[in-house]
Amino acid sequence: MTQEQNGVKIAASLMALAARTAPKGKGVDTIHIRVVEGKERKKLAAAVKTYGEEHGIGFFSRDAKNIEDSAAVVLIGSNGILAAGIDCGGCGYPGCSEMVAAAKKAKKRKTAFAGPNCMIRMTDLGIAVGSAAKTASVLNADNRVMYSAGVGALSIGILGKDCTVAYGIPLTATGKNIFFDRSR
């Protein structure tokens, strides 16, 4: 293992720490975090590519290649069905109980993300992802937040059954950032 590869592992761990300790609405942690490397990372890349092919989303193939070429991927998701209980209406329902009931009726995921989701939990997810990406940037680890990596992770259950929305942040330490100047 090179020093750069070791640095990526350390960066991924610190990103997980940043996501875990990011502020959470009402102090309730619904965040799921997993760092994938090696065979598990390749399995994720294959899932992203397959999902893209099955749903006609061309950029998923490009992202799958980036995931395959990365050293690690930090996956961050949330259980958005666990309502904050403040009846804010941000989810589109008049209250939390209606949102939870609608989510239970939806049972089987037909879209990339399961829903409806609590807006407070989705805000928590955004803060956690932003904290992790900021940490990668501070540590000079090349990274990119990817919707597709989260979709792939959910499609193969890497983050658990109750995770409804996720994003992935692949990392590299190369002379040229592989996540930019990408073709479609």
N, C-alpha and C. Protein backbone atom coordinates (compact mmCIF):
# COMPACT_ATOMS: atom_id res chain seq x y z
N MET A 1 0.84 -1.18 0.00
CA MET A 1 0.00 0.00 0.00
C MET A 1 0.89 1.25 0.00
N THR A 2 0.58 2.17 -0.90
CA THR A 2 1.35 3.41 -0.96
C THR A 2 0.90 4.36 0.14
N GLN A 3 1.69 5.38 0.37
CA GLN A 3 1.30 6.40 1.35
C GLN A 3 0.01 7.08 0.94
N GLU A 4 -0.16 7.30 -0.37
CA GLU A 4 -1.38 7.94 -0.85
C GLU A 4 -2.60 7.06 -0.59
N GLN A 5 -2.47 5.75 -0.84
CA GLN A 5 -3.59 4.84 -0.59
C GLN A 5 -3.94 4.82 0.90
N ASN A 6 -2.92 4.80 1.73
CA ASN A 6 -3.15 4.85 3.17
C ASN A 6 -3.83 6.16 3.55
N GLY A 7 -3.42 7.25 2.92
CA GLY A 7 -4.04 8.55 3.16
C GLY A 7 -5.52 8.56 2.81
N VAL A 8 -5.88 7.87 1.71
CA VAL A 8 -7.29 7.79 1.32
C VAL A 8 -8.09 7.04 2.38
N LYS A 9 -7.53 5.96 2.92
CA LYS A 9 -8.23 5.20 3.97
C LYS A 9 -8.45 6.07 5.21
N ILE A 10 -7.43 6.82 5.57
CA ILE A 10 -7.56 7.72 6.72
C ILE A 10 -8.60 8.80 6.43
N ALA A 11 -8.54 9.37 5.22
CA ALA A 11 -9.52 10.40 4.84
C ALA A 11 -10.94 9.85 4.91
N ALA A 12 -11.15 8.63 4.41
CA ALA A 12 -12.48 8.02 4.44
C ALA A 12 -12.97 7.86 5.88
N SER A 13 -12.10 7.44 6.76
CA SER A 13 -12.48 7.30 8.18
C SER A 13 -12.83 8.65 8.79
N LEU A 14 -12.06 9.67 8.47
CA LEU A 14 -12.34 11.00 9.01
C LEU A 14 -13.61 11.59 8.40
N MET A 15 -13.90 11.25 7.15
CA MET A 15 -15.15 11.67 6.52
C MET A 15 -16.34 11.02 7.23
N ALA A 16 -16.20 9.73 7.56
CA ALA A 16 -17.26 9.04 8.30
C ALA A 16 -17.47 9.71 9.66
N LEU A 17 -16.38 10.08 10.30
CA LEU A 17 -16.47 10.78 11.58
C LEU A 17 -17.19 12.12 11.42
N ALA A 18 -16.84 12.87 10.38
CA ALA A 18 -17.49 14.16 10.14
C ALA A 18 -18.99 14.00 9.90
N ALA A 19 -19.36 12.98 9.14
CA ALA A 19 -20.78 12.74 8.87
C ALA A 19 -21.52 12.33 10.14
N ARG A 20 -20.89 11.48 10.93
CA ARG A 20 -21.54 11.01 12.16
C ARG A 20 -21.74 12.14 13.16
N THR A 21 -20.78 13.03 13.27
CA THR A 21 -20.87 14.09 14.28
C THR A 21 -21.51 15.37 13.77
N ALA A 22 -21.94 15.38 12.52
CA ALA A 22 -22.64 16.56 11.97
C ALA A 22 -23.93 16.78 12.76
N PRO A 23 -24.38 18.02 12.87
CA PRO A 23 -25.61 18.30 13.62
C PRO A 23 -26.81 17.54 13.05
N LYS A 24 -27.69 17.11 13.94
CA LYS A 24 -28.89 16.37 13.55
C LYS A 24 -30.12 17.04 14.16
N GLY A 25 -31.21 17.09 13.39
CA GLY A 25 -32.46 17.66 13.86
C GLY A 25 -32.99 16.94 15.09
N LYS A 26 -33.32 17.70 16.11
CA LYS A 26 -33.82 17.19 17.39
C LYS A 26 -32.84 16.23 18.06
N GLY A 27 -31.58 16.23 17.60
CA GLY A 27 -30.56 15.40 18.22
C GLY A 27 -30.72 13.91 17.97
N VAL A 28 -31.51 13.54 16.96
CA VAL A 28 -31.76 12.13 16.64
C VAL A 28 -30.95 11.76 15.40
N ASP A 29 -30.13 10.74 15.53
CA ASP A 29 -29.24 10.32 14.44
C ASP A 29 -29.89 9.22 13.62
N THR A 30 -30.24 9.53 12.38
CA THR A 30 -30.80 8.53 11.46
C THR A 30 -29.85 8.24 10.30
N ILE A 31 -28.60 8.66 10.46
CA ILE A 31 -27.62 8.55 9.38
C ILE A 31 -26.99 7.16 9.35
N HIS A 32 -26.86 6.62 8.14
CA HIS A 32 -26.18 5.35 7.89
C HIS A 32 -24.88 5.67 7.16
N ILE A 33 -23.77 5.10 7.61
CA ILE A 33 -22.47 5.37 6.98
C ILE A 33 -21.74 4.06 6.76
N ARG A 34 -21.13 3.95 5.60
CA ARG A 34 -20.31 2.77 5.30
C ARG A 34 -19.20 3.18 4.34
N VAL A 35 -18.00 2.73 4.62
CA VAL A 35 -16.87 2.93 3.71
C VAL A 35 -16.65 1.62 2.98
N VAL A 36 -16.65 1.66 1.64
CA VAL A 36 -16.43 0.44 0.86
C VAL A 36 -15.13 0.56 0.07
N GLU A 37 -14.41 -0.55 0.05
CA GLU A 37 -13.14 -0.64 -0.67
C GLU A 37 -13.08 -2.01 -1.33
N GLY A 38 -12.09 -2.22 -2.16
CA GLY A 38 -11.82 -3.54 -2.73
C GLY A 38 -13.00 -4.16 -3.44
N LYS A 39 -13.29 -5.42 -3.10
CA LYS A 39 -14.37 -6.17 -3.76
C LYS A 39 -15.73 -5.52 -3.56
N GLU A 40 -15.96 -4.99 -2.38
CA GLU A 40 -17.25 -4.35 -2.10
C GLU A 40 -17.42 -3.09 -2.97
N ARG A 41 -16.34 -2.36 -3.19
CA ARG A 41 -16.38 -1.18 -4.07
C ARG A 41 -16.68 -1.60 -5.50
N LYS A 42 -16.07 -2.69 -5.95
CA LYS A 42 -16.33 -3.19 -7.31
C LYS A 42 -17.78 -3.65 -7.45
N LYS A 43 -18.32 -4.26 -6.39
CA LYS A 43 -19.72 -4.68 -6.40
C LYS A 43 -20.63 -3.45 -6.50
N LEU A 44 -20.27 -2.39 -5.80
CA LEU A 44 -21.03 -1.15 -5.89
C LEU A 44 -20.97 -0.58 -7.30
N ALA A 45 -19.79 -0.56 -7.89
CA ALA A 45 -19.63 -0.05 -9.26
C ALA A 45 -20.52 -0.83 -10.23
N ALA A 46 -20.53 -2.15 -10.08
CA ALA A 46 -21.37 -3.00 -10.95
C ALA A 46 -22.85 -2.69 -10.74
N ALA A 47 -23.26 -2.46 -9.50
CA ALA A 47 -24.66 -2.14 -9.21
C ALA A 47 -25.06 -0.81 -9.83
N VAL A 48 -24.17 0.17 -9.78
CA VAL A 48 -24.45 1.48 -10.39
C VAL A 48 -24.61 1.33 -11.90
N LYS A 49 -23.71 0.59 -12.51
CA LYS A 49 -23.77 0.38 -13.96
C LYS A 49 -25.06 -0.35 -14.35
N THR A 50 -25.38 -1.41 -13.62
CA THR A 50 -26.59 -2.19 -13.91
C THR A 50 -27.84 -1.33 -13.76
N TYR A 51 -27.93 -0.56 -12.68
CA TYR A 51 -29.10 0.30 -12.47
C TYR A 51 -29.24 1.29 -13.63
N GLY A 52 -28.14 1.88 -14.03
CA GLY A 52 -28.17 2.82 -15.15
C GLY A 52 -28.65 2.19 -16.44
N GLU A 53 -28.17 0.98 -16.72
CA GLU A 53 -28.58 0.27 -17.94
C GLU A 53 -30.06 -0.10 -17.88
N GLU A 54 -30.52 -0.58 -16.72
CA GLU A 54 -31.91 -1.00 -16.58
C GLU A 54 -32.89 0.17 -16.65
N HIS A 55 -32.43 1.36 -16.26
CA HIS A 55 -33.32 2.52 -16.22
C HIS A 55 -32.99 3.59 -17.26
N GLY A 56 -32.08 3.27 -18.17
CA GLY A 56 -31.75 4.20 -19.25
C GLY A 56 -31.11 5.50 -18.79
N ILE A 57 -30.26 5.41 -17.76
CA ILE A 57 -29.59 6.60 -17.24
C ILE A 57 -28.12 6.51 -17.63
N GLY A 58 -27.76 7.16 -18.72
CA GLY A 58 -26.44 7.02 -19.31
C GLY A 58 -25.27 7.40 -18.41
N PHE A 59 -25.41 8.47 -17.62
CA PHE A 59 -24.26 8.90 -16.82
C PHE A 59 -23.90 7.93 -15.71
N PHE A 60 -24.78 6.97 -15.41
CA PHE A 60 -24.45 5.97 -14.38
C PHE A 60 -23.27 5.12 -14.82
N SER A 61 -23.13 4.84 -16.11
CA SER A 61 -21.99 4.05 -16.60
C SER A 61 -20.68 4.81 -16.37
N ARG A 62 -20.68 6.10 -16.64
CA ARG A 62 -19.50 6.93 -16.39
C ARG A 62 -19.17 6.94 -14.90
N ASP A 63 -20.19 7.12 -14.06
CA ASP A 63 -19.96 7.15 -12.62
C ASP A 63 -19.47 5.80 -12.11
N ALA A 64 -20.01 4.71 -12.67
CA ALA A 64 -19.57 3.37 -12.28
C ALA A 64 -18.08 3.19 -12.54
N LYS A 65 -17.62 3.71 -13.67
CA LYS A 65 -16.18 3.63 -13.99
C LYS A 65 -15.37 4.44 -12.99
N ASN A 66 -15.86 5.63 -12.63
CA ASN A 66 -15.17 6.43 -11.60
C ASN A 66 -15.11 5.69 -10.27
N ILE A 67 -16.19 5.03 -9.89
CA ILE A 67 -16.22 4.26 -8.64
C ILE A 67 -15.23 3.11 -8.71
N GLU A 68 -15.21 2.43 -9.85
CA GLU A 68 -14.28 1.32 -10.04
C GLU A 68 -12.83 1.79 -9.95
N ASP A 69 -12.55 2.98 -10.47
CA ASP A 69 -11.19 3.51 -10.48
C ASP A 69 -10.80 4.20 -9.17
N SER A 70 -11.74 4.36 -8.26
CA SER A 70 -11.44 5.04 -6.99
C SER A 70 -10.81 4.07 -6.00
N ALA A 71 -10.28 4.61 -4.92
CA ALA A 71 -9.67 3.78 -3.88
C ALA A 71 -10.69 3.37 -2.82
N ALA A 72 -11.66 4.22 -2.57
CA ALA A 72 -12.69 3.95 -1.56
C ALA A 72 -13.91 4.81 -1.88
N VAL A 73 -15.05 4.40 -1.33
CA VAL A 73 -16.27 5.19 -1.46
C VAL A 73 -16.89 5.30 -0.07
N VAL A 74 -17.19 6.53 0.33
CA VAL A 74 -17.90 6.76 1.58
C VAL A 74 -19.38 6.88 1.23
N LEU A 75 -20.18 5.96 1.75
CA LEU A 75 -21.62 5.96 1.52
C LEU A 75 -22.32 6.57 2.74
N ILE A 76 -23.23 7.49 2.48
CA ILE A 76 -23.95 8.14 3.57
C ILE A 76 -25.42 8.18 3.18
N GLY A 77 -26.27 7.65 4.05
CA GLY A 77 -27.70 7.62 3.79
C GLY A 77 -28.48 7.95 5.04
N SER A 78 -29.80 7.94 4.91
CA SER A 78 -30.66 8.26 6.04
C SER A 78 -31.94 7.45 5.99
N ASN A 79 -32.48 7.19 7.16
CA ASN A 79 -33.82 6.63 7.28
C ASN A 79 -34.78 7.81 7.32
N GLY A 80 -35.21 8.22 6.16
CA GLY A 80 -36.07 9.39 6.05
C GLY A 80 -37.51 9.15 6.46
N ILE A 81 -37.87 7.90 6.71
CA ILE A 81 -39.24 7.60 7.12
C ILE A 81 -39.40 7.79 8.63
N LEU A 82 -38.30 7.85 9.35
CA LEU A 82 -38.35 8.12 10.78
C LEU A 82 -38.58 9.62 10.96
N ALA A 83 -39.82 9.98 11.15
CA ALA A 83 -40.22 11.39 11.19
C ALA A 83 -39.69 12.10 12.43
N ALA A 84 -39.42 13.39 12.28
CA ALA A 84 -38.93 14.20 13.39
C ALA A 84 -40.04 14.53 14.40
N GLY A 85 -41.29 14.40 13.97
CA GLY A 85 -42.40 14.61 14.90
C GLY A 85 -42.74 16.07 15.16
N ILE A 86 -42.44 16.94 14.21
CA ILE A 86 -42.74 18.36 14.43
C ILE A 86 -43.84 18.89 13.50
N ASP A 87 -44.39 18.00 12.67
CA ASP A 87 -45.50 18.37 11.78
C ASP A 87 -45.24 19.65 10.98
N CYS A 88 -44.04 19.75 10.39
CA CYS A 88 -43.66 20.97 9.66
C CYS A 88 -44.29 21.05 8.27
N GLY A 89 -44.67 19.90 7.69
CA GLY A 89 -45.27 19.88 6.36
C GLY A 89 -44.27 19.90 5.22
N GLY A 90 -42.99 19.94 5.52
CA GLY A 90 -41.96 19.99 4.47
C GLY A 90 -41.97 18.79 3.55
N CYS A 91 -42.50 17.68 4.00
CA CYS A 91 -42.57 16.46 3.20
C CYS A 91 -43.74 16.48 2.22
N GLY A 92 -44.62 17.45 2.39
CA GLY A 92 -45.80 17.53 1.53
C GLY A 92 -47.06 16.99 2.19
N TYR A 93 -46.94 16.51 3.40
CA TYR A 93 -48.10 16.01 4.14
C TYR A 93 -48.38 16.96 5.30
N PRO A 94 -49.64 17.03 5.75
CA PRO A 94 -49.96 17.98 6.82
C PRO A 94 -49.28 17.65 8.15
N GLY A 95 -48.95 16.40 8.36
CA GLY A 95 -48.31 16.02 9.62
C GLY A 95 -47.45 14.79 9.46
N CYS A 96 -46.65 14.53 10.47
CA CYS A 96 -45.72 13.40 10.43
C CYS A 96 -46.45 12.06 10.33
N SER A 97 -47.56 11.91 11.04
CA SER A 97 -48.27 10.62 11.01
C SER A 97 -48.78 10.31 9.60
N GLU A 98 -49.21 11.32 8.87
CA GLU A 98 -49.68 11.11 7.49
C GLU A 98 -48.51 10.72 6.57
N MET A 99 -47.36 11.34 6.78
CA MET A 99 -46.18 11.01 5.98
C MET A 99 -45.74 9.58 6.24
N VAL A 100 -45.70 9.18 7.50
CA VAL A 100 -45.29 7.82 7.85
C VAL A 100 -46.28 6.81 7.27
N ALA A 101 -47.57 7.10 7.35
CA ALA A 101 -48.59 6.20 6.79
C ALA A 101 -48.41 6.06 5.28
N ALA A 102 -48.16 7.16 4.60
CA ALA A 102 -47.95 7.12 3.14
C ALA A 102 -46.70 6.33 2.80
N ALA A 103 -45.65 6.48 3.59
CA ALA A 103 -44.41 5.75 3.35
C ALA A 103 -44.62 4.25 3.53
N LYS A 104 -45.40 3.87 4.52
CA LYS A 104 -45.67 2.44 4.76
C LYS A 104 -46.49 1.85 3.62
N LYS A 105 -47.40 2.63 3.05
CA LYS A 105 -48.19 2.16 1.91
C LYS A 105 -47.32 1.95 0.68
N ALA A 106 -46.29 2.77 0.54
CA ALA A 106 -45.42 2.71 -0.63
C ALA A 106 -44.57 1.44 -0.65
N LYS A 107 -44.42 0.78 0.49
CA LYS A 107 -43.66 -0.46 0.69
C LYS A 107 -42.52 -0.72 -0.28
N LYS A 108 -42.84 -1.10 -1.50
CA LYS A 108 -41.81 -1.52 -2.45
C LYS A 108 -41.29 -0.33 -3.24
N ARG A 109 -39.98 -0.20 -3.27
CA ARG A 109 -39.32 0.91 -3.96
C ARG A 109 -39.46 0.74 -5.47
N LYS A 110 -40.07 1.71 -6.13
CA LYS A 110 -40.18 1.69 -7.59
C LYS A 110 -39.31 2.78 -8.21
N THR A 111 -38.76 3.61 -7.36
CA THR A 111 -37.91 4.71 -7.80
C THR A 111 -36.54 4.55 -7.14
N ALA A 112 -35.62 5.41 -7.52
CA ALA A 112 -34.26 5.34 -6.97
C ALA A 112 -34.26 5.45 -5.45
N PHE A 113 -35.06 6.35 -4.91
CA PHE A 113 -35.16 6.54 -3.47
C PHE A 113 -36.58 6.22 -3.01
N ALA A 114 -36.69 5.66 -1.82
CA ALA A 114 -38.01 5.39 -1.24
C ALA A 114 -38.53 6.68 -0.61
N GLY A 115 -39.82 6.83 -0.61
CA GLY A 115 -40.38 8.04 -0.01
C GLY A 115 -41.85 7.88 0.24
N PRO A 116 -42.49 8.87 0.78
CA PRO A 116 -41.96 10.19 1.11
C PRO A 116 -40.95 10.12 2.26
N ASN A 117 -40.21 11.20 2.43
CA ASN A 117 -39.18 11.30 3.46
C ASN A 117 -39.38 12.56 4.29
N CYS A 118 -38.99 12.45 5.56
CA CYS A 118 -39.03 13.60 6.47
C CYS A 118 -38.01 14.64 6.01
N MET A 119 -38.46 15.85 5.82
CA MET A 119 -37.58 16.92 5.35
C MET A 119 -36.46 17.20 6.36
N ILE A 120 -36.73 17.06 7.63
CA ILE A 120 -35.69 17.28 8.65
C ILE A 120 -34.60 16.23 8.48
N ARG A 121 -34.98 14.98 8.25
CA ARG A 121 -33.99 13.90 8.06
C ARG A 121 -33.19 14.10 6.77
N MET A 122 -33.85 14.62 5.73
CA MET A 122 -33.13 14.88 4.48
C MET A 122 -32.16 16.06 4.65
N THR A 123 -32.54 17.03 5.45
CA THR A 123 -31.62 18.12 5.76
C THR A 123 -30.42 17.59 6.53
N ASP A 124 -30.68 16.70 7.50
CA ASP A 124 -29.59 16.06 8.25
C ASP A 124 -28.64 15.34 7.30
N LEU A 125 -29.21 14.64 6.32
CA LEU A 125 -28.40 13.91 5.34
C LEU A 125 -27.53 14.88 4.55
N GLY A 126 -28.11 15.98 4.10
CA GLY A 126 -27.34 16.97 3.35
C GLY A 126 -26.20 17.56 4.17
N ILE A 127 -26.45 17.82 5.44
CA ILE A 127 -25.40 18.36 6.31
C ILE A 127 -24.30 17.32 6.50
N ALA A 128 -24.68 16.05 6.69
CA ALA A 128 -23.69 14.98 6.87
C ALA A 128 -22.84 14.80 5.61
N VAL A 129 -23.48 14.79 4.44
CA VAL A 129 -22.75 14.65 3.18
C VAL A 129 -21.82 15.85 2.97
N GLY A 130 -22.32 17.05 3.24
CA GLY A 130 -21.50 18.25 3.11
C GLY A 130 -20.31 18.24 4.06
N SER A 131 -20.53 17.78 5.28
CA SER A 131 -19.43 17.70 6.25
C SER A 131 -18.37 16.72 5.80
N ALA A 132 -18.80 15.58 5.24
CA ALA A 132 -17.85 14.58 4.75
C ALA A 132 -17.07 15.10 3.55
N ALA A 133 -17.76 15.75 2.61
CA ALA A 133 -17.09 16.29 1.42
C ALA A 133 -16.11 17.39 1.81
N LYS A 134 -16.50 18.22 2.77
CA LYS A 134 -15.60 19.28 3.26
C LYS A 134 -14.34 18.66 3.86
N THR A 135 -14.51 17.58 4.60
CA THR A 135 -13.36 16.90 5.22
C THR A 135 -12.43 16.36 4.14
N ALA A 136 -12.98 15.74 3.11
CA ALA A 136 -12.15 15.24 2.00
C ALA A 136 -11.38 16.38 1.36
N SER A 137 -12.05 17.49 1.15
CA SER A 137 -11.40 18.65 0.53
C SER A 137 -10.26 19.19 1.39
N VAL A 138 -10.51 19.32 2.68
CA VAL A 138 -9.48 19.81 3.60
C VAL A 138 -8.26 18.89 3.58
N LEU A 139 -8.50 17.58 3.41
CA LEU A 139 -7.42 16.59 3.40
C LEU A 139 -6.82 16.39 2.00
N ASN A 140 -7.28 17.17 1.02
CA ASN A 140 -6.78 17.10 -0.36
C ASN A 140 -7.03 15.76 -1.03
N ALA A 141 -8.07 15.05 -0.62
CA ALA A 141 -8.45 13.81 -1.29
C ALA A 141 -9.43 14.16 -2.41
N ASP A 142 -9.11 13.77 -3.64
CA ASP A 142 -10.02 14.02 -4.75
C ASP A 142 -11.32 13.27 -4.49
N ASN A 143 -12.44 13.96 -4.70
CA ASN A 143 -13.74 13.36 -4.39
C ASN A 143 -14.83 13.99 -5.22
N ARG A 144 -15.97 13.34 -5.23
CA ARG A 144 -17.15 13.89 -5.90
C ARG A 144 -18.38 13.26 -5.26
N VAL A 145 -19.34 14.08 -4.87
CA VAL A 145 -20.59 13.56 -4.33
C VAL A 145 -21.39 13.00 -5.49
N MET A 146 -21.84 11.74 -5.36
CA MET A 146 -22.56 11.08 -6.45
C MET A 146 -23.91 10.53 -5.99
N TYR A 147 -24.95 11.04 -6.63
CA TYR A 147 -26.30 10.49 -6.49
C TYR A 147 -26.29 9.03 -6.92
N SER A 148 -25.64 8.74 -8.03
CA SER A 148 -25.64 7.39 -8.61
C SER A 148 -25.05 6.36 -7.65
N ALA A 149 -24.01 6.73 -6.91
CA ALA A 149 -23.40 5.79 -5.96
C ALA A 149 -24.37 5.45 -4.84
N GLY A 150 -25.15 6.43 -4.40
CA GLY A 150 -26.17 6.17 -3.39
C GLY A 150 -27.26 5.27 -3.91
N VAL A 151 -27.69 5.51 -5.13
CA VAL A 151 -28.72 4.67 -5.75
C VAL A 151 -28.22 3.23 -5.87
N GLY A 152 -26.98 3.07 -6.32
CA GLY A 152 -26.39 1.73 -6.43
C GLY A 152 -26.32 1.04 -5.08
N ALA A 153 -25.91 1.77 -4.05
CA ALA A 153 -25.82 1.20 -2.71
C ALA A 153 -27.18 0.73 -2.22
N LEU A 154 -28.21 1.55 -2.43
CA LEU A 154 -29.56 1.16 -2.01
C LEU A 154 -30.06 -0.05 -2.79
N SER A 155 -29.71 -0.12 -4.07
CA SER A 155 -30.20 -1.22 -4.91
C SER A 155 -29.67 -2.58 -4.47
N ILE A 156 -28.51 -2.59 -3.80
CA ILE A 156 -27.96 -3.87 -3.32
C ILE A 156 -27.97 -3.97 -1.80
N GLY A 157 -28.60 -3.03 -1.13
CA GLY A 157 -28.80 -3.12 0.31
C GLY A 157 -27.58 -2.91 1.19
N ILE A 158 -26.55 -2.25 0.68
CA ILE A 158 -25.33 -2.06 1.46
C ILE A 158 -25.58 -1.27 2.75
N LEU A 159 -26.52 -0.35 2.74
CA LEU A 159 -26.75 0.51 3.90
C LEU A 159 -27.90 0.04 4.79
N GLY A 160 -28.45 -1.12 4.52
CA GLY A 160 -29.53 -1.65 5.36
C GLY A 160 -30.91 -1.36 4.80
N LYS A 161 -31.88 -2.12 5.29
CA LYS A 161 -33.25 -2.06 4.78
C LYS A 161 -33.96 -0.74 5.06
N ASP A 162 -33.64 -0.10 6.17
CA ASP A 162 -34.39 1.11 6.51
C ASP A 162 -33.77 2.40 5.98
N CYS A 163 -32.74 2.29 5.18
CA CYS A 163 -32.13 3.47 4.56
C CYS A 163 -32.93 3.81 3.30
N THR A 164 -33.46 5.02 3.22
CA THR A 164 -34.35 5.39 2.12
C THR A 164 -33.71 6.28 1.06
N VAL A 165 -32.69 7.03 1.44
CA VAL A 165 -32.00 7.94 0.53
C VAL A 165 -30.51 7.88 0.85
N ALA A 166 -29.67 7.87 -0.18
CA ALA A 166 -28.22 7.80 0.07
C ALA A 166 -27.44 8.49 -1.04
N TYR A 167 -26.23 8.87 -0.70
CA TYR A 167 -25.26 9.42 -1.64
C TYR A 167 -23.94 8.72 -1.39
N GLY A 168 -23.07 8.74 -2.39
CA GLY A 168 -21.75 8.17 -2.23
C GLY A 168 -20.70 9.20 -2.61
N ILE A 169 -19.56 9.11 -1.94
CA ILE A 169 -18.45 10.02 -2.23
C ILE A 169 -17.21 9.17 -2.50
N PRO A 170 -16.91 8.89 -3.78
CA PRO A 170 -15.69 8.15 -4.10
C PRO A 170 -14.47 9.04 -3.89
N LEU A 171 -13.35 8.40 -3.56
CA LEU A 171 -12.10 9.11 -3.26
C LEU A 171 -10.94 8.54 -4.04
N THR A 172 -10.04 9.41 -4.46
CA THR A 172 -8.78 8.97 -5.07
C THR A 172 -7.66 9.89 -4.62
N ALA A 173 -6.45 9.40 -4.84
CA ALA A 173 -5.25 10.21 -4.61
C ALA A 173 -4.34 9.94 -5.80
N THR A 174 -4.61 10.63 -6.89
CA THR A 174 -3.84 10.45 -8.12
C THR A 174 -3.32 11.81 -8.59
N GLY A 175 -2.45 11.78 -9.55
CA GLY A 175 -1.89 13.03 -10.07
C GLY A 175 -2.91 13.90 -10.78
N LYS A 176 -3.97 13.30 -11.29
CA LYS A 176 -5.04 14.01 -12.01
C LYS A 176 -6.37 13.58 -11.42
N ASN A 177 -7.20 14.53 -11.07
CA ASN A 177 -8.50 14.23 -10.48
C ASN A 177 -9.39 13.55 -11.51
N ILE A 178 -9.74 12.29 -11.27
CA ILE A 178 -10.54 11.51 -12.22
C ILE A 178 -12.00 11.94 -12.27
N PHE A 179 -12.44 12.74 -11.31
CA PHE A 179 -13.84 13.11 -11.23
C PHE A 179 -14.19 14.37 -12.02
N PHE A 180 -13.20 14.97 -12.68
CA PHE A 180 -13.45 16.15 -13.49
C PHE A 180 -12.96 15.90 -14.91
N ASP A 181 -13.40 16.74 -15.83
CA ASP A 181 -13.12 16.54 -17.26
C ASP A 181 -13.66 15.18 -17.71
N ARG A 182 -14.83 14.82 -17.16
CA ARG A 182 -15.44 13.54 -17.49
C ARG A 182 -16.34 13.70 -18.71
N SER A 183 -16.40 12.66 -19.52
CA SER A 183 -17.33 12.71 -20.65
C SER A 183 -18.62 12.04 -20.23
N ARG A 184 -19.68 12.34 -20.95
CA ARG A 184 -20.98 11.76 -20.63
C ARG A 184 -20.93 10.33 -21.02
